[in-house]
Protein backbone atom coordinates (compact mmCIF):
# COMPACT_ATOMS: atom_id res chain seq x y z
CA UNK A 1 -32.23 -41.08 -25.72
CA UNK A 2 -29.29 -39.58 -26.95
CA UNK A 3 -27.28 -41.12 -24.44
CA UNK A 4 -28.85 -44.57 -24.59
CA UNK A 5 -27.55 -44.23 -28.84
CA UNK A 6 -23.88 -43.98 -28.07
CA UNK A 7 -23.78 -46.79 -25.58
CA UNK A 8 -25.74 -49.06 -28.33
CA UNK A 9 -23.67 -47.40 -31.15
CA UNK A 10 -19.98 -48.14 -28.83
CA UNK A 11 -21.61 -51.95 -28.18
CA UNK A 12 -22.21 -52.22 -31.86
CA UNK A 13 -18.57 -51.20 -33.12
CA UNK A 14 -16.92 -52.82 -30.19
CA UNK A 15 -18.31 -56.26 -30.59
CA UNK A 16 -17.59 -56.46 -33.93
CA UNK A 17 -14.16 -54.13 -34.03
CA UNK A 18 -12.52 -54.95 -30.82
CA UNK A 19 -12.59 -58.33 -30.05
CA UNK A 20 -12.26 -59.46 -26.58
CA UNK A 21 -8.62 -60.43 -24.71
CA UNK A 22 -8.21 -62.10 -21.59
CA UNK A 23 -5.87 -59.53 -20.39
CA UNK A 24 -7.50 -56.54 -21.27
CA UNK A 25 -10.54 -58.03 -19.52
CA UNK A 26 -9.00 -58.84 -16.80
CA UNK A 27 -7.36 -55.62 -16.13
CA UNK A 28 -10.64 -53.78 -16.31
CA UNK A 29 -12.15 -56.39 -13.73
CA UNK A 30 -8.90 -56.33 -11.32
CA UNK A 31 -9.37 -52.14 -11.59
CA UNK A 32 -13.11 -52.65 -10.37
CA UNK A 33 -12.69 -55.04 -7.83
CA UNK A 34 -9.56 -52.39 -6.31
CA UNK A 35 -12.10 -49.56 -6.73
CA UNK A 36 -10.24 -48.10 -9.18
CA UNK A 37 -12.42 -45.06 -10.72
CA UNK A 38 -14.04 -46.52 -13.79
CA UNK A 39 -12.22 -43.93 -15.94
CA UNK A 40 -10.29 -45.28 -18.25
CA UNK A 41 -10.84 -44.88 -21.82
CA UNK A 42 -13.27 -47.24 -23.56
CA UNK A 43 -12.43 -50.37 -25.59
CA UNK A 44 -12.81 -48.42 -29.00
CA UNK A 45 -10.83 -45.86 -27.65
CA UNK A 46 -8.40 -47.98 -26.39
CA UNK A 47 -7.82 -49.56 -29.50
CA UNK A 48 -7.83 -45.93 -30.93
CA UNK A 49 -4.74 -45.44 -29.47
CA UNK A 50 -3.37 -47.99 -30.27
CA UNK A 51 -3.81 -47.98 -34.05
CA UNK A 52 -2.46 -44.16 -33.90
CA UNK A 53 1.06 -45.36 -32.41
CA UNK A 54 1.18 -48.30 -34.67
CA UNK A 55 0.71 -45.58 -37.60
CA UNK A 56 3.41 -43.11 -36.19
CA UNK A 57 5.41 -45.98 -36.05
CA UNK A 58 6.48 -45.38 -31.90
CA UNK A 59 9.45 -47.09 -30.56
CA UNK A 60 9.13 -45.34 -27.19
CA UNK A 61 5.86 -44.35 -25.48
CA UNK A 62 5.46 -42.42 -22.73
CA UNK A 63 1.91 -41.92 -20.78
CA UNK A 64 1.15 -39.18 -18.06
CA UNK A 65 -1.37 -41.34 -15.61
CA UNK A 66 -1.90 -45.20 -15.37
CA UNK A 67 -4.88 -45.82 -13.98
CA UNK A 68 -4.95 -49.49 -13.32
CA UNK A 69 -2.84 -49.45 -16.82
CA UNK A 70 -5.68 -50.57 -19.21
CA UNK A 71 -4.49 -48.16 -22.16
CA UNK A 72 -1.05 -48.76 -21.32
CA UNK A 73 -1.51 -52.48 -22.37
CA UNK A 74 -3.00 -51.11 -25.31
CA UNK A 75 -0.37 -48.86 -25.79
CA UNK A 76 2.53 -51.20 -25.21
CA UNK A 77 1.30 -53.85 -27.94
CA UNK A 78 1.94 -50.84 -30.43
CA UNK A 79 5.20 -51.62 -29.88
CA UNK A 80 7.82 -53.36 -32.14
CA UNK A 81 10.46 -55.78 -30.31
CA UNK A 82 12.74 -53.89 -28.44
CA UNK A 83 10.33 -50.63 -27.93
CA UNK A 84 9.64 -49.07 -24.68
CA UNK A 85 6.89 -47.53 -22.68
CA UNK A 86 6.88 -45.55 -19.15
CA UNK A 87 3.90 -44.43 -17.27
CA UNK A 88 3.53 -42.41 -14.76
CA UNK A 89 1.16 -42.90 -11.54
CA UNK A 90 1.13 -40.58 -8.49
CA UNK A 91 -1.51 -43.14 -6.80
CA UNK A 92 0.60 -45.90 -4.78
CA UNK A 93 -2.67 -48.19 -5.11
CA UNK A 94 -3.59 -47.32 -8.92
CA UNK A 95 0.61 -47.97 -9.57
CA UNK A 96 0.24 -51.50 -7.47
CA UNK A 97 -3.21 -52.56 -9.37
CA UNK A 98 -0.92 -51.25 -12.92
CA UNK A 99 1.79 -53.40 -12.04
CA UNK A 100 -0.26 -56.98 -11.41
CA UNK A 101 -2.14 -56.00 -14.75
CA UNK A 102 0.49 -55.33 -16.75
CA UNK A 103 2.24 -58.67 -15.44
CA UNK A 104 -0.38 -60.83 -16.15
CA UNK A 105 -0.57 -59.16 -19.88
CA UNK A 106 3.53 -60.65 -19.85
CA UNK A 107 4.56 -56.52 -20.19
CA UNK A 108 6.52 -56.38 -17.37
CA UNK A 109 9.65 -56.17 -19.99
CA UNK A 110 8.76 -53.44 -22.23
CA UNK A 111 6.76 -51.24 -19.67
CA UNK A 112 8.09 -49.04 -16.32
CA UNK A 113 5.48 -48.04 -14.04
CA UNK A 114 7.05 -44.83 -12.12
CA UNK A 115 5.32 -43.71 -8.58
CA UNK A 116 5.09 -40.31 -8.12
CA UNK A 117 3.83 -36.94 -8.81
CA UNK A 118 4.29 -36.02 -12.63
CA UNK A 119 5.49 -32.82 -12.31
CA UNK A 120 8.16 -34.63 -10.53
CA UNK A 121 8.76 -37.42 -11.85
CA UNK A 122 8.85 -35.66 -15.47
CA UNK A 123 11.99 -33.30 -14.60
CA UNK A 124 13.47 -36.53 -13.11
CA UNK A 125 13.06 -38.00 -17.13
CA UNK A 126 14.49 -35.25 -18.80
CA UNK A 127 17.07 -35.03 -16.46
CA UNK A 128 18.25 -38.96 -17.46
CA UNK A 129 18.12 -37.97 -21.17
CA UNK A 130 14.85 -40.11 -21.34
CA UNK A 131 13.37 -39.23 -24.87
CA UNK A 132 12.58 -38.35 -26.83
CA UNK A 133 9.33 -40.09 -27.03
CA UNK A 134 7.06 -40.93 -30.18
CA UNK A 135 4.45 -40.82 -28.83
CA UNK A 136 3.06 -39.03 -25.39
CA UNK A 137 -0.40 -39.74 -24.12
CA UNK A 138 -1.94 -37.35 -21.42
CA UNK A 139 -4.69 -38.31 -19.13
CA UNK A 140 -3.97 -37.42 -15.78
CA UNK A 141 -5.40 -34.74 -13.92
CA UNK A 142 -7.06 -31.82 -15.97
CA UNK A 143 -6.11 -29.01 -13.90
CA UNK A 144 -2.23 -29.76 -14.41
CA UNK A 145 -3.01 -30.07 -18.14
CA UNK A 146 -1.00 -27.02 -19.38
CA UNK A 147 2.07 -27.91 -17.71
CA UNK A 148 1.86 -31.94 -18.62
CA UNK A 149 1.79 -30.31 -22.36
CA UNK A 150 4.87 -28.56 -21.78
CA UNK A 151 7.04 -31.38 -20.60
CA UNK A 152 5.90 -33.79 -22.92
CA UNK A 153 6.40 -31.29 -25.82
CA UNK A 154 10.14 -31.10 -24.05
CA UNK A 155 10.50 -34.51 -24.16
CA UNK A 156 9.49 -35.22 -27.61
CA UNK A 157 11.40 -34.64 -31.37
CA UNK A 158 9.95 -33.53 -34.70
CA UNK A 159 7.30 -36.07 -36.05
CA UNK A 160 5.77 -37.07 -32.50
CA UNK A 161 2.53 -37.45 -31.31
CA UNK A 162 0.79 -35.95 -28.44
CA UNK A 163 -2.54 -37.08 -27.39
CA UNK A 164 -4.71 -35.65 -24.88
CA UNK A 165 -8.16 -36.88 -22.99
CA UNK A 166 -10.50 -35.76 -21.66
CA UNK A 167 -10.53 -32.11 -22.89
CA UNK A 168 -14.68 -31.00 -23.84
CA UNK A 169 -15.68 -31.72 -20.09
CA UNK A 170 -19.17 -32.38 -21.73
CA UNK A 171 -19.01 -29.11 -23.55
CA UNK A 172 -18.25 -26.88 -20.39
CA UNK A 173 -14.91 -26.11 -22.23
CA UNK A 174 -16.48 -23.58 -24.51
CA UNK A 175 -17.86 -21.74 -21.26
CA UNK A 176 -15.47 -18.74 -20.48
CA UNK A 177 -17.09 -18.14 -17.16
CA UNK A 178 -16.40 -22.36 -15.60
CA UNK A 179 -14.44 -22.09 -12.24
CA UNK A 180 -14.27 -25.80 -12.48
CA UNK A 181 -10.84 -26.35 -12.29
CA UNK A 182 -10.65 -29.46 -14.89
CA UNK A 183 -12.74 -26.75 -17.23
CA UNK A 184 -9.83 -24.15 -16.88
CA UNK A 185 -7.54 -26.89 -17.23
CA UNK A 186 -8.86 -28.12 -20.21
CA UNK A 187 -9.29 -24.10 -21.59
CA UNK A 188 -5.62 -23.35 -20.94
CA UNK A 189 -3.91 -26.45 -22.70
CA UNK A 190 -6.90 -25.62 -25.90
CA UNK A 191 -5.30 -22.32 -25.97
CA UNK A 192 -1.88 -23.05 -25.34
CA UNK A 193 -2.34 -25.63 -28.34
CA UNK A 194 -3.25 -22.54 -30.51
CA UNK A 195 -0.38 -20.84 -29.93
CA UNK A 196 2.59 -23.43 -29.82
CA UNK A 197 4.27 -22.73 -33.12
CA UNK A 198 5.73 -26.36 -33.07
CA UNK A 199 2.66 -28.36 -33.41
CA UNK A 200 -0.01 -28.61 -35.64
CA UNK A 201 -2.80 -29.92 -33.75
CA UNK A 202 -6.65 -30.17 -33.36
CA UNK A 203 -9.45 -31.51 -30.67
CA UNK A 204 -12.39 -33.52 -30.95
CA UNK A 205 -15.74 -34.34 -29.62
CA UNK A 206 -16.17 -37.68 -28.79
CA UNK A 207 -19.82 -39.36 -27.36
CA UNK A 208 -19.91 -43.31 -26.47
CA UNK A 209 -19.64 -45.31 -23.09
CA UNK A 210 -17.84 -42.76 -21.56
CA UNK A 211 -20.22 -40.17 -22.47
CA UNK A 212 -19.84 -36.77 -24.16
CA UNK A 213 -16.29 -35.52 -24.08
CA UNK A 214 -13.47 -35.69 -26.43
CA UNK A 215 -9.82 -35.26 -27.12
CA UNK A 216 -7.09 -33.34 -28.62
CA UNK A 217 -4.52 -34.52 -30.81
CA UNK A 218 -0.90 -32.46 -32.00
CA UNK A 219 1.79 -33.48 -34.26
CA UNK A 220 5.19 -31.87 -33.28
CA UNK A 221 6.56 -30.42 -36.51
CA UNK A 222 10.05 -28.75 -35.21
CA UNK A 223 12.39 -29.99 -32.73
CA UNK A 224 12.10 -28.61 -28.93
């Protein structure tokens, strides 16, 4: 009954606060048609990312993990004129679907999709002098979250916001005995956030159409 209620509440709130959008709906449909995993953020979560980026006043956004570009569209639409977003994707098929979705949404001049392992493309961004980024969203393979966070911090500035998705793992993050690499990655990330003096961070649990999980949010409080 609890999960049914989570879905019902998500539907109610989304119907009220997240109107249907042709480009976003098409992105989900194209991703499903291409057999991409249905692990994109929910519509109300996408709008939350959009609002956080706008509240922060982001002009440069970095996304680690593109999938079909659904969250990318939400974030890119938060940018002011002249803003830029770079999104990193390791799967060529996912990147192709995302590029088509972004083109349909009219965002090809705003978003750059970089193909390759993020742990390879992140050092390349640093070497090119890209950044600092004002807003960074991490939603890729969970065992690498500690490494992604370290790079996000390096590519940020005082005042940057870093958001990490899927950090609760249906509550398993509280289990120190878990052998799941995804849970271990979430726990290492939480431990890093707890001791990193350059950020102020918290994490919250979420329920809804994506089940039981949560996200972490960190404000960079000192220059890297």
